[in-house]
Amino acid sequence: MLEHIELFFKSIFIDNMVFAVFLGMCSYLAVSKKVATAVGLGAAVIFVLAVTVPLNWLLDKYLLQDGALGTWLGPEYADYNLGFLSFILFIATIATMVQLVEIIVEKFSPSLYNSLGIFLPLIAVNCAILGGSLFMQAREIETFGLALNYGVSSGIGWFLAILAIAAIREKIRYSNVPAPLRGLGITFIITGLMGIGFQSFGGMLTGGDDAAPVEETTAEKADLKKEIEEDEIDEKEISYNDAIQE
């Protein structure tokens, strides 16, 4: 349970797709002028990540990993490695889900579909979506549940990022921003400050209990060093006494 909670908060705040690894920046900047549009795209990203990351985990576990075919097709297929198909299969899965999202949004919310424009189908090539599956593969997430958790939490992190910047951009539209910084200039500055704020949540996972073992280890090292010095002194005294007796 703790592993799920840690992965959830870490994916949202510390390893945020926008602020930590700068993925999905094109959509983040282009569709964050209005909160309503940002909410629609953010919800679509959450859905696509929540579906594609676990599906791609299954593909990686039972098809792409070295020896994966041998677990369900028989030992004669254990030597086959289909890892070179990772990009093709991951993108195919993502494109299928994005097409499904596009059909649903066009059917039930034509206004949102028109507001998102070209950026809705471009989710298929959004580096944040593909990055979620590739990070899942690189970090060797062990279970399907953790993969689902990672997909949902990564989507929520991207959603919070675009929602926050959209709300701020709506407010600063009526602010007296210096002329050279208007537009993308002030947006990048705000993004950097938000990134610093999100990174500060790292203390939730690294503070507290970690302090005691560090102090203990330091004390143990000091005691060990003292014992070594005392042993060296004793050895020198013994050698000196032996030399006198001779």
C-alpha atoms as a PDB file:
ATOM      1  CA  MET A   1       0.000   0.000   0.000  1.00  0.00           C
ATOM      2  CA  LEU A   2       2.797   2.404   0.898  1.00  0.00           C
ATOM      3  CA  GLU A   3       4.429   1.653  -2.433  1.00  0.00           C
ATOM      4  CA  HIS A   4       1.268   2.767  -4.260  1.00  0.00           C
ATOM      5  CA  ILE A   5       0.973   5.946  -2.183  1.00  0.00           C
ATOM      6  CA  GLU A   6       4.624   6.839  -2.719  1.00  0.00           C
ATOM      7  CA  LEU A   7       4.387   6.243  -6.476  1.00  0.00           C
ATOM      8  CA  PHE A   8       1.168   8.285  -6.660  1.00  0.00           C
ATOM      9  CA  PHE A   9       2.554  11.411  -4.991  1.00  0.00           C
ATOM     10  CA  LYS A  10       5.976  11.079  -6.596  1.00  0.00           C
ATOM     11  CA  SER A  11       4.488  10.892 -10.110  1.00  0.00           C
ATOM     12  CA  ILE A  12       2.244  13.917  -9.522  1.00  0.00           C
ATOM     13  CA  PHE A  13       4.628  16.295  -7.797  1.00  0.00           C
ATOM     14  CA  ILE A  14       8.274  15.213  -7.897  1.00  0.00           C
ATOM     15  CA  ASP A  15       8.455  13.491 -11.309  1.00  0.00           C
ATOM     16  CA  ASN A  16       5.801  15.698 -12.912  1.00  0.00           C
ATOM     17  CA  MET A  17       5.819  15.274 -16.694  1.00  0.00           C
ATOM     18  CA  VAL A  18       5.914  19.036 -17.301  1.00  0.00           C
ATOM     19  CA  PHE A  19       8.047  20.398 -14.482  1.00  0.00           C
ATOM     20  CA  ALA A  20      10.547  17.553 -14.019  1.00  0.00           C
ATOM     21  CA  VAL A  21      11.168  16.219 -17.543  1.00  0.00           C
ATOM     22  CA  PHE A  22       9.542  18.940 -19.725  1.00  0.00           C
ATOM     23  CA  LEU A  23       7.311  16.543 -21.685  1.00  0.00           C
ATOM     24  CA  GLY A  24       4.106  17.681 -23.375  1.00  0.00           C
ATOM     25  CA  MET A  25       5.210  21.317 -23.418  1.00  0.00           C
ATOM     26  CA  CYS A  26       3.702  22.105 -26.830  1.00  0.00           C
ATOM     27  CA  SER A  27       0.148  21.309 -25.721  1.00  0.00           C
ATOM     28  CA  TYR A  28       0.858  22.762 -22.292  1.00  0.00           C
ATOM     29  CA  LEU A  29       1.685  26.153 -23.795  1.00  0.00           C
ATOM     30  CA  ALA A  30      -0.804  26.199 -26.669  1.00  0.00           C
ATOM     31  CA  VAL A  31      -3.978  25.017 -24.928  1.00  0.00           C
ATOM     32  CA  SER A  32      -3.529  26.776 -21.578  1.00  0.00           C
ATOM     33  CA  LYS A  33      -5.106  30.116 -22.467  1.00  0.00           C
ATOM     34  CA  LYS A  34      -8.526  29.144 -21.057  1.00  0.00           C
ATOM     35  CA  VAL A  35      -9.328  26.988 -18.040  1.00  0.00           C
ATOM     36  CA  ALA A  36     -12.238  25.205 -19.737  1.00  0.00           C
ATOM     37  CA  THR A  37     -10.065  24.092 -22.638  1.00  0.00           C
ATOM     38  CA  ALA A  38      -7.239  23.065 -20.297  1.00  0.00           C
ATOM     39  CA  VAL A  39      -9.634  20.940 -18.214  1.00  0.00           C
ATOM     40  CA  GLY A  40     -10.885  19.132 -21.330  1.00  0.00           C
ATOM     41  CA  LEU A  41      -7.424  18.346 -22.652  1.00  0.00           C
ATOM     42  CA  GLY A  42      -6.140  17.431 -19.193  1.00  0.00           C
ATOM     43  CA  ALA A  43      -8.999  14.979 -18.676  1.00  0.00           C
ATOM     44  CA  ALA A  44      -8.281  13.415 -22.073  1.00  0.00           C
ATOM     45  CA  VAL A  45      -4.592  13.031 -21.160  1.00  0.00           C
ATOM     46  CA  ILE A  46      -5.505  11.353 -17.846  1.00  0.00           C
ATOM     47  CA  PHE A  47      -7.759   8.894 -19.653  1.00  0.00           C
ATOM     48  CA  VAL A  48      -5.212   8.068 -22.339  1.00  0.00           C
ATOM     49  CA  LEU A  49      -2.369   7.594 -19.831  1.00  0.00           C
ATOM     50  CA  ALA A  50      -4.578   5.553 -17.480  1.00  0.00           C
ATOM     51  CA  VAL A  51      -5.415   3.148 -20.318  1.00  0.00           C
ATOM     52  CA  THR A  52      -2.220   3.027 -22.374  1.00  0.00           C
ATOM     53  CA  VAL A  53       0.353   2.625 -19.583  1.00  0.00           C
ATOM     54  CA  PRO A  54      -1.224  -0.569 -18.143  1.00  0.00           C
ATOM     55  CA  LEU A  55      -1.897  -1.936 -21.642  1.00  0.00           C
ATOM     56  CA  ASN A  56       1.686  -1.296 -22.660  1.00  0.00           C
ATOM     57  CA  TRP A  57       2.823  -2.897 -19.388  1.00  0.00           C
ATOM     58  CA  LEU A  58       1.006  -6.060 -20.441  1.00  0.00           C
ATOM     59  CA  LEU A  59       2.593  -5.903 -23.887  1.00  0.00           C
ATOM     60  CA  ASP A  60       6.033  -5.402 -22.362  1.00  0.00           C
ATOM     61  CA  LYS A  61       5.565  -8.131 -19.743  1.00  0.00           C
ATOM     62  CA  TYR A  62       4.168 -10.868 -21.968  1.00  0.00           C
ATOM     63  CA  LEU A  63       5.486  -9.992 -25.406  1.00  0.00           C
ATOM     64  CA  LEU A  64       8.438  -7.612 -25.551  1.00  0.00           C
ATOM     65  CA  GLN A  65      10.727  -8.610 -22.694  1.00  0.00           C
ATOM     66  CA  ASP A  66      13.516 -11.072 -23.258  1.00  0.00           C
ATOM     67  CA  GLY A  67      12.078 -14.567 -22.812  1.00  0.00           C
ATOM     68  CA  ALA A  68       8.505 -13.310 -22.366  1.00  0.00           C
ATOM     69  CA  LEU A  69       7.169 -15.471 -25.180  1.00  0.00           C
ATOM     70  CA  GLY A  70       8.448 -18.593 -23.473  1.00  0.00           C
ATOM     71  CA  THR A  71       6.172 -18.066 -20.458  1.00  0.00           C
ATOM     72  CA  TRP A  72       2.981 -18.595 -22.444  1.00  0.00           C
ATOM     73  CA  LEU A  73       3.966 -20.071 -25.828  1.00  0.00           C
ATOM     74  CA  GLY A  74       6.411 -22.660 -24.599  1.00  0.00           C
ATOM     75  CA  PRO A  75      10.136 -22.951 -23.840  1.00  0.00           C
ATOM     76  CA  GLU A  76      11.038 -23.166 -27.538  1.00  0.00           C
ATOM     77  CA  TYR A  77      10.130 -19.460 -27.866  1.00  0.00           C
ATOM     78  CA  ALA A  78      12.115 -18.315 -24.828  1.00  0.00           C
ATOM     79  CA  ASP A  79      15.079 -17.174 -26.931  1.00  0.00           C
ATOM     80  CA  TYR A  80      13.021 -14.699 -28.958  1.00  0.00           C
ATOM     81  CA  ASN A  81      13.354 -11.022 -28.027  1.00  0.00           C
ATOM     82  CA  LEU A  82      10.809  -8.599 -29.502  1.00  0.00           C
ATOM     83  CA  GLY A  83      12.066  -5.557 -27.625  1.00  0.00           C
ATOM     84  CA  PHE A  84      12.795  -3.753 -30.900  1.00  0.00           C
ATOM     85  CA  LEU A  85       9.021  -3.483 -31.450  1.00  0.00           C
ATOM     86  CA  SER A  86       8.466  -1.410 -28.283  1.00  0.00           C
ATOM     87  CA  PHE A  87       8.063   1.965 -29.981  1.00  0.00           C
ATOM     88  CA  ILE A  88       5.779   0.637 -32.717  1.00  0.00           C
ATOM     89  CA  LEU A  89       3.445  -1.234 -30.359  1.00  0.00           C
ATOM     90  CA  PHE A  90       3.370   1.528 -27.752  1.00  0.00           C
ATOM     91  CA  ILE A  91       2.488   4.168 -30.344  1.00  0.00           C
ATOM     92  CA  ALA A  92      -0.141   1.898 -31.916  1.00  0.00           C
ATOM     93  CA  THR A  93      -1.810   1.469 -28.529  1.00  0.00           C
ATOM     94  CA  ILE A  94      -1.689   5.212 -27.859  1.00  0.00           C
ATOM     95  CA  ALA A  95      -3.063   6.103 -31.307  1.00  0.00           C
ATOM     96  CA  THR A  96      -5.970   3.699 -30.827  1.00  0.00           C
ATOM     97  CA  MET A  97      -6.925   5.224 -27.469  1.00  0.00           C
ATOM     98  CA  VAL A  98      -6.577   8.772 -28.781  1.00  0.00           C
ATOM     99  CA  GLN A  99      -8.863   7.955 -31.699  1.00  0.00           C
ATOM    100  CA  LEU A 100     -11.400   6.623 -29.225  1.00  0.00           C
ATOM    101  CA  VAL A 101     -11.160   9.793 -27.112  1.00  0.00           C
ATOM    102  CA  GLU A 102     -11.557  11.976 -30.199  1.00  0.00           C
ATOM    103  CA  ILE A 103     -14.730  10.126 -31.224  1.00  0.00           C
ATOM    104  CA  ILE A 104     -16.209  10.429 -27.709  1.00  0.00           C
ATOM    105  CA  VAL A 105     -15.408  14.143 -27.343  1.00  0.00           C
ATOM    106  CA  GLU A 106     -16.755  14.967 -30.803  1.00  0.00           C
ATOM    107  CA  LYS A 107     -19.955  13.066 -30.018  1.00  0.00           C
ATOM    108  CA  PHE A 108     -20.728  14.432 -26.560  1.00  0.00           C
ATOM    109  CA  SER A 109     -18.985  17.845 -26.497  1.00  0.00           C
ATOM    110  CA  PRO A 110     -18.667  19.452 -29.948  1.00  0.00           C
ATOM    111  CA  SER A 111     -17.743  22.819 -28.413  1.00  0.00           C
ATOM    112  CA  LEU A 112     -14.785  21.306 -26.544  1.00  0.00           C
ATOM    113  CA  TYR A 113     -13.819  19.381 -29.670  1.00  0.00           C
ATOM    114  CA  ASN A 114     -13.716  22.638 -31.653  1.00  0.00           C
ATOM    115  CA  SER A 115     -11.804  24.424 -28.869  1.00  0.00           C
ATOM    116  CA  LEU A 116      -9.102  21.765 -28.696  1.00  0.00           C
ATOM    117  CA  GLY A 117      -8.757  21.700 -32.478  1.00  0.00           C
ATOM    118  CA  ILE A 118      -5.674  19.943 -33.784  1.00  0.00           C
ATOM    119  CA  PHE A 119      -4.276  19.370 -30.288  1.00  0.00           C
ATOM    120  CA  LEU A 120      -6.759  16.592 -29.486  1.00  0.00           C
ATOM    121  CA  PRO A 121      -5.557  14.196 -32.217  1.00  0.00           C
ATOM    122  CA  LEU A 122      -2.000  15.351 -31.484  1.00  0.00           C
ATOM    123  CA  ILE A 123      -2.238  13.578 -28.114  1.00  0.00           C
ATOM    124  CA  ALA A 124      -1.173  10.522 -30.112  1.00  0.00           C
ATOM    125  CA  VAL A 125       2.246  12.096 -30.649  1.00  0.00           C
ATOM    126  CA  ASN A 126       2.350  13.928 -27.313  1.00  0.00           C
ATOM    127  CA  CYS A 127       5.712  13.065 -25.813  1.00  0.00           C
ATOM    128  CA  ALA A 128       4.176  12.984 -22.320  1.00  0.00           C
ATOM    129  CA  ILE A 129       1.903  10.104 -23.346  1.00  0.00           C
ATOM    130  CA  LEU A 130       4.679   8.065 -24.922  1.00  0.00           C
ATOM    131  CA  GLY A 131       7.001   9.078 -22.084  1.00  0.00           C
ATOM    132  CA  GLY A 132       4.635   7.512 -19.547  1.00  0.00           C
ATOM    133  CA  SER A 133       4.920   4.104 -21.234  1.00  0.00           C
ATOM    134  CA  LEU A 134       8.676   4.398 -21.762  1.00  0.00           C
ATOM    135  CA  PHE A 135       9.298   5.451 -18.153  1.00  0.00           C
ATOM    136  CA  MET A 136       7.135   2.553 -17.021  1.00  0.00           C
ATOM    137  CA  GLN A 137       9.324   0.216 -19.054  1.00  0.00           C
ATOM    138  CA  ALA A 138      12.621   1.813 -17.993  1.00  0.00           C
ATOM    139  CA  ARG A 139      11.749   1.790 -14.288  1.00  0.00           C
ATOM    140  CA  GLU A 140      10.706  -1.853 -14.517  1.00  0.00           C
ATOM    141  CA  ILE A 141       7.401  -1.391 -12.705  1.00  0.00           C
ATOM    142  CA  GLU A 142       6.620  -4.786 -11.266  1.00  0.00           C
ATOM    143  CA  THR A 143       2.831  -5.165 -11.192  1.00  0.00           C
ATOM    144  CA  PHE A 144      -0.175  -4.227 -13.294  1.00  0.00           C
ATOM    145  CA  GLY A 145      -1.624  -2.282 -10.357  1.00  0.00           C
ATOM    146  CA  LEU A 146       1.491  -0.125 -10.055  1.00  0.00           C
ATOM    147  CA  ALA A 147       1.431   0.479 -13.812  1.00  0.00           C
ATOM    148  CA  LEU A 148      -2.199   1.638 -13.585  1.00  0.00           C
ATOM    149  CA  ASN A 149      -1.300   3.818 -10.606  1.00  0.00           C
ATOM    150  CA  TYR A 150       1.614   5.338 -12.509  1.00  0.00           C
ATOM    151  CA  GLY A 151      -0.524   6.067 -15.579  1.00  0.00           C
ATOM    152  CA  VAL A 152      -3.294   7.751 -13.588  1.00  0.00           C
ATOM    153  CA  SER A 153      -0.958   9.747 -11.336  1.00  0.00           C
ATOM    154  CA  SER A 154       1.204  10.923 -14.253  1.00  0.00           C
ATOM    155  CA  GLY A 155      -1.946  12.092 -16.016  1.00  0.00           C
ATOM    156  CA  ILE A 156      -3.129  13.899 -12.906  1.00  0.00           C
ATOM    157  CA  GLY A 157       0.250  15.614 -12.638  1.00  0.00           C
ATOM    158  CA  TRP A 158       0.026  16.849 -16.238  1.00  0.00           C
ATOM    159  CA  PHE A 159      -3.597  17.887 -15.646  1.00  0.00           C
ATOM    160  CA  LEU A 160      -2.685  19.938 -12.559  1.00  0.00           C
ATOM    161  CA  ALA A 161       0.161  21.611 -14.436  1.00  0.00           C
ATOM    162  CA  ILE A 162      -1.960  22.758 -17.401  1.00  0.00           C
ATOM    163  CA  LEU A 163      -4.901  23.695 -15.145  1.00  0.00           C
ATOM    164  CA  ALA A 164      -2.699  25.841 -12.901  1.00  0.00           C
ATOM    165  CA  ILE A 165      -0.995  27.674 -15.767  1.00  0.00           C
ATOM    166  CA  ALA A 166      -4.349  28.235 -17.512  1.00  0.00           C
ATOM    167  CA  ALA A 167      -5.850  29.795 -14.370  1.00  0.00           C
ATOM    168  CA  ILE A 168      -2.819  32.036 -13.925  1.00  0.00           C
ATOM    169  CA  ARG A 169      -2.780  33.095 -17.582  1.00  0.00           C
ATOM    170  CA  GLU A 170      -6.435  34.068 -17.363  1.00  0.00           C
ATOM    171  CA  LYS A 171      -5.645  36.279 -14.372  1.00  0.00           C
ATOM    172  CA  ILE A 172      -2.499  37.923 -15.716  1.00  0.00           C
ATOM    173  CA  ARG A 173      -4.356  38.870 -18.885  1.00  0.00           C
ATOM    174  CA  TYR A 174      -5.638  41.860 -16.887  1.00  0.00           C
ATOM    175  CA  SER A 175      -2.323  42.513 -15.130  1.00  0.00           C
ATOM    176  CA  ASN A 176       0.301  45.073 -16.037  1.00  0.00           C
ATOM    177  CA  VAL A 177       2.956  42.707 -17.388  1.00  0.00           C
ATOM    178  CA  PRO A 178       6.055  44.429 -18.878  1.00  0.00           C
ATOM    179  CA  ALA A 179       5.819  44.485 -22.659  1.00  0.00           C
ATOM    180  CA  PRO A 180       8.945  42.343 -23.343  1.00  0.00           C
ATOM    181  CA  LEU A 181       7.581  39.548 -21.099  1.00  0.00           C
ATOM    182  CA  ARG A 182       4.023  39.379 -22.396  1.00  0.00           C
ATOM    183  CA  GLY A 183       2.902  36.083 -23.880  1.00  0.00           C
ATOM    184  CA  LEU A 184       5.306  33.161 -23.683  1.00  0.00           C
ATOM    185  CA  GLY A 185       7.927  35.109 -21.714  1.00  0.00           C
ATOM    186  CA  ILE A 186       5.874  35.455 -18.542  1.00  0.00           C
ATOM    187  CA  THR A 187       4.448  31.953 -19.103  1.00  0.00           C
ATOM    188  CA  PHE A 188       7.926  30.409 -19.005  1.00  0.00           C
ATOM    189  CA  ILE A 189       8.808  32.388 -15.874  1.00  0.00           C
ATOM    190  CA  ILE A 190       5.633  31.202 -14.123  1.00  0.00           C
ATOM    191  CA  THR A 191       6.301  27.638 -15.269  1.00  0.00           C
ATOM    192  CA  GLY A 192       9.781  27.764 -13.744  1.00  0.00           C
ATOM    193  CA  LEU A 193       8.422  29.039 -10.421  1.00  0.00           C
ATOM    194  CA  MET A 194       5.728  26.371 -10.421  1.00  0.00           C
ATOM    195  CA  GLY A 195       8.370  23.748 -11.137  1.00  0.00           C
ATOM    196  CA  ILE A 196      10.354  24.886  -8.095  1.00  0.00           C
ATOM    197  CA  GLY A 197       7.197  24.666  -6.005  1.00  0.00           C
ATOM    198  CA  PHE A 198       6.390  21.147  -7.195  1.00  0.00           C
ATOM    199  CA  GLN A 199       9.956  19.958  -6.560  1.00  0.00           C
ATOM    200  CA  SER A 200       9.669  21.094  -2.935  1.00  0.00           C
ATOM    201  CA  PHE A 201       7.269  18.197  -2.349  1.00  0.00           C
ATOM    202  CA  GLY A 202      10.296  15.906  -2.541  1.00  0.00           C
ATOM    203  CA  GLY A 203      10.700  16.411   1.204  1.00  0.00           C
ATOM    204  CA  MET A 204       7.580  14.301   1.772  1.00  0.00           C
ATOM    205  CA  LEU A 205       9.422  11.215   0.537  1.00  0.00           C
ATOM    206  CA  THR A 206      13.001  11.969   1.603  1.00  0.00           C
ATOM    207  CA  GLY A 207      12.671  13.608   5.018  1.00  0.00           C
ATOM    208  CA  GLY A 208      11.888  12.364   8.498  1.00  0.00           C
ATOM    209  CA  ASP A 209      13.014   8.810   9.080  1.00  0.00           C
ATOM    210  CA  ASP A 210      16.086   9.140   6.869  1.00  0.00           C
ATOM    211  CA  ALA A 211      17.826  11.464   9.352  1.00  0.00           C
ATOM    212  CA  ALA A 212      18.294   8.921  12.150  1.00  0.00           C
ATOM    213  CA  PRO A 213      20.174   6.277  10.154  1.00  0.00           C
ATOM    214  CA  VAL A 214      22.574   8.924   8.822  1.00  0.00           C
ATOM    215  CA  GLU A 215      23.489  10.062  12.339  1.00  0.00           C
ATOM    216  CA  GLU A 216      23.837   6.449  13.470  1.00  0.00           C
ATOM    217  CA  THR A 217      26.140   5.629  10.587  1.00  0.00           C
ATOM    218  CA  THR A 218      28.276   8.691  11.295  1.00  0.00           C
ATOM    219  CA  ALA A 219      28.595   7.730  14.970  1.00  0.00           C
ATOM    220  CA  GLU A 220      29.523   4.180  14.055  1.00  0.00           C
ATOM    221  CA  LYS A 221      32.217   5.459  11.704  1.00  0.00           C
ATOM    222  CA  ALA A 222      33.634   7.680  14.459  1.00  0.00           C
ATOM    223  CA  ASP A 223      33.752   4.762  16.928  1.00  0.00           C
ATOM    224  CA  LEU A 224      35.379   2.523  14.337  1.00  0.00           C
ATOM    225  CA  LYS A 225      38.010   5.173  13.589  1.00  0.00           C
ATOM    226  CA  LYS A 226      38.734   5.580  17.300  1.00  0.00           C
ATOM    227  CA  GLU A 227      39.158   1.818  17.746  1.00  0.00           C
ATOM    228  CA  ILE A 228      41.559   1.662  14.786  1.00  0.00           C
ATOM    229  CA  GLU A 229      43.654   4.509  16.230  1.00  0.00           C
ATOM    230  CA  GLU A 230      43.782   2.820  19.647  1.00  0.00           C
ATOM    231  CA  ASP A 231      44.847  -0.478  18.034  1.00  0.00           C
ATOM    232  CA  GLU A 232      47.596   1.319  16.141  1.00  0.00           C
ATOM    233  CA  ILE A 233      48.843   2.941  19.366  1.00  0.00           C
ATOM    234  CA  ASP A 234      48.869  -0.422  21.157  1.00  0.00           C
ATOM    235  CA  GLU A 235      50.806  -2.005  18.290  1.00  0.00           C
ATOM    236  CA  LYS A 236      53.395   0.782  18.394  1.00  0.00           C
ATOM    237  CA  GLU A 237      53.825   0.370  22.183  1.00  0.00           C
ATOM    238  CA  ILE A 238      54.306  -3.387  21.822  1.00  0.00           C
ATOM    239  CA  SER A 239      56.872  -2.895  19.069  1.00  0.00           C
ATOM    240  CA  TYR A 240      58.727  -0.316  21.215  1.00  0.00           C
ATOM    241  CA  ASN A 241      58.793  -2.599  24.253  1.00  0.00           C
ATOM    242  CA  ASP A 242      60.067  -5.495  22.139  1.00  0.00           C
ATOM    243  CA  ALA A 243      62.836  -3.313  20.755  1.00  0.00           C
ATOM    244  CA  ILE A 244      63.926  -2.284  24.291  1.00  0.00           C
ATOM    245  CA  GLN A 245      64.015  -5.883  25.512  1.00  0.00           C
ATOM    246  CA  GLU A 246      66.187  -6.945  22.578  1.00  0.00           C
END
